[in-house]
Amino acid sequence: MKGKTVLPEVTLLYDARGARPEKAAGIGEFWYELEVWELPLSPTVRVFYTALCSFLAHGQINRQDLRGTLKDRTDEEIVNALQDLVRHNLLAPTDRFINSSDTLRGYEVRSVRDFES
């Protein structure tokens, strides 16, 4: 029997993109690089990346918002989109130590300049 994919209640996000480029889309701290639309990624993965960028100022995205970002997609498809972003170096899994016994898992969101095919 195949296990069901379950998204975490909260996914922590860390901004590793650097300074906001002059031609970024969005307002204030909520921005993404327009070049994402030119990358050889599926439309789903591109939309997902821009959605993650829009939550960076909050430092996290919850399960409901992850699902809302990719409407009509299963949790497994959302996890696959995360894995695609990791594979192409636009996301990097990271652990942040908050004290001697606790670690928070999350993702660093990287600039489209870091894209690897």
Protein backbone atom coordinates (compact mmCIF):
# COMPACT_ATOMS: atom_id res chain seq x y z
CA MET A 1 0.00 0.00 0.00
CA LYS A 2 1.34 3.39 -0.98
CA GLY A 3 1.76 5.99 1.78
CA LYS A 4 -0.11 9.24 1.54
CA THR A 5 1.96 12.39 1.07
CA VAL A 6 1.32 14.88 3.84
CA LEU A 7 2.46 18.49 3.67
CA PRO A 8 3.79 20.04 6.88
CA GLU A 9 1.47 22.44 8.69
CA VAL A 10 4.03 25.24 8.19
CA THR A 11 6.98 25.45 5.81
CA LEU A 12 9.61 27.98 6.86
CA LEU A 13 11.10 30.16 4.13
CA TYR A 14 14.37 32.09 4.13
CA ASP A 15 15.26 34.68 1.52
CA ALA A 16 18.63 33.96 -0.10
CA ARG A 17 17.95 35.92 -3.31
CA GLY A 18 19.98 39.00 -2.46
CA ALA A 19 18.97 42.55 -3.22
CA ARG A 20 15.76 43.22 -5.12
CA PRO A 21 16.51 43.75 -8.83
CA GLU A 22 15.27 46.91 -10.48
CA LYS A 23 12.92 44.97 -12.79
CA ALA A 24 11.36 42.73 -10.13
CA ALA A 25 7.60 42.15 -10.12
CA GLY A 26 5.65 42.85 -6.96
CA ILE A 27 5.38 45.46 -4.26
CA GLY A 28 7.77 46.16 -1.41
CA GLU A 29 9.08 42.99 0.21
CA PHE A 30 6.70 40.85 -1.87
CA TRP A 31 8.55 40.41 -5.16
CA TYR A 32 9.94 37.89 -7.61
CA GLU A 33 12.32 38.05 -10.55
CA LEU A 34 10.56 38.22 -13.92
CA GLU A 35 13.23 35.98 -15.47
CA VAL A 36 11.55 32.98 -13.82
CA TRP A 37 9.09 32.94 -16.74
CA GLU A 38 11.97 32.31 -19.16
CA LEU A 39 13.41 29.30 -17.31
CA PRO A 40 12.94 25.79 -18.72
CA LEU A 41 10.51 24.77 -15.98
CA SER A 42 6.92 23.63 -16.14
CA PRO A 43 4.31 26.38 -15.77
CA THR A 44 3.24 24.78 -12.48
CA VAL A 45 6.75 25.01 -11.03
CA ARG A 46 7.13 28.63 -12.19
CA VAL A 47 3.86 29.64 -10.55
CA PHE A 48 4.86 27.79 -7.40
CA TYR A 49 8.22 29.59 -7.23
CA THR A 50 6.59 33.02 -7.57
CA ALA A 51 4.09 32.10 -4.84
CA LEU A 52 6.87 31.08 -2.48
CA CYS A 53 8.60 34.40 -3.19
CA SER A 54 5.42 36.23 -2.24
CA PHE A 55 5.49 34.57 1.20
CA LEU A 56 9.17 35.27 1.91
CA ALA A 57 8.47 38.45 3.86
CA HIS A 58 6.32 36.37 6.21
CA GLY A 59 9.10 33.81 6.59
CA GLN A 60 6.71 30.93 6.18
CA ILE A 61 3.85 29.47 4.22
CA ASN A 62 1.18 27.27 5.74
CA ARG A 63 -0.30 24.09 4.30
CA GLN A 64 -3.53 25.78 3.24
CA ASP A 65 -1.64 28.46 1.30
CA LEU A 66 0.60 25.83 -0.33
CA ARG A 67 -2.50 24.03 -1.51
CA GLY A 68 -4.15 27.30 -2.58
CA THR A 69 -1.10 28.22 -4.65
CA LEU A 70 -1.50 25.12 -6.80
CA LYS A 71 -5.24 24.66 -6.87
CA ASP A 72 -6.50 21.27 -8.05
CA ARG A 73 -3.10 19.68 -7.39
CA THR A 74 -2.51 16.86 -4.93
CA ASP A 75 -0.13 17.13 -2.00
CA GLU A 76 2.15 14.75 -3.89
CA GLU A 77 2.23 17.11 -6.88
CA ILE A 78 3.06 20.01 -4.56
CA VAL A 79 5.91 18.02 -3.03
CA ASN A 80 7.12 17.19 -6.56
CA ALA A 81 7.11 20.92 -7.41
CA LEU A 82 9.22 21.59 -4.30
CA GLN A 83 11.62 18.85 -5.38
CA ASP A 84 11.86 20.33 -8.89
CA LEU A 85 12.82 23.69 -7.39
CA VAL A 86 15.45 22.00 -5.22
CA ARG A 87 16.79 20.03 -8.20
CA HIS A 88 17.22 23.28 -10.16
CA ASN A 89 18.86 25.10 -7.23
CA LEU A 90 16.02 27.59 -6.75
CA LEU A 91 15.27 26.12 -3.32
CA ALA A 92 17.69 24.64 -0.82
CA PRO A 93 16.55 22.61 2.18
CA THR A 94 17.98 24.08 5.35
CA ASP A 95 17.92 23.50 9.07
CA ARG A 96 18.03 26.45 11.45
CA PHE A 97 19.06 25.83 15.02
CA ILE A 98 16.89 27.73 17.50
CA ASN A 99 18.48 26.30 20.64
CA SER A 100 20.61 23.35 21.72
CA SER A 101 17.80 20.82 21.28
CA ASP A 102 15.50 22.27 18.58
CA THR A 103 15.94 22.65 14.86
CA LEU A 104 13.52 24.19 12.38
CA ARG A 105 13.47 22.77 8.88
CA GLY A 106 12.71 25.00 5.94
CA TYR A 107 13.88 26.18 2.55
CA GLU A 108 16.14 28.95 1.35
CA VAL A 109 14.58 30.55 -1.73
CA ARG A 110 17.31 31.43 -4.20
CA SER A 111 17.56 33.85 -7.08
CA VAL A 112 16.78 32.75 -10.62
CA ARG A 113 20.45 33.60 -11.31
CA ASP A 114 21.29 30.42 -9.31
CA PHE A 115 19.22 28.22 -11.65
CA GLU A 116 20.88 24.98 -12.73
CA SER A 117 19.40 22.88 -15.52
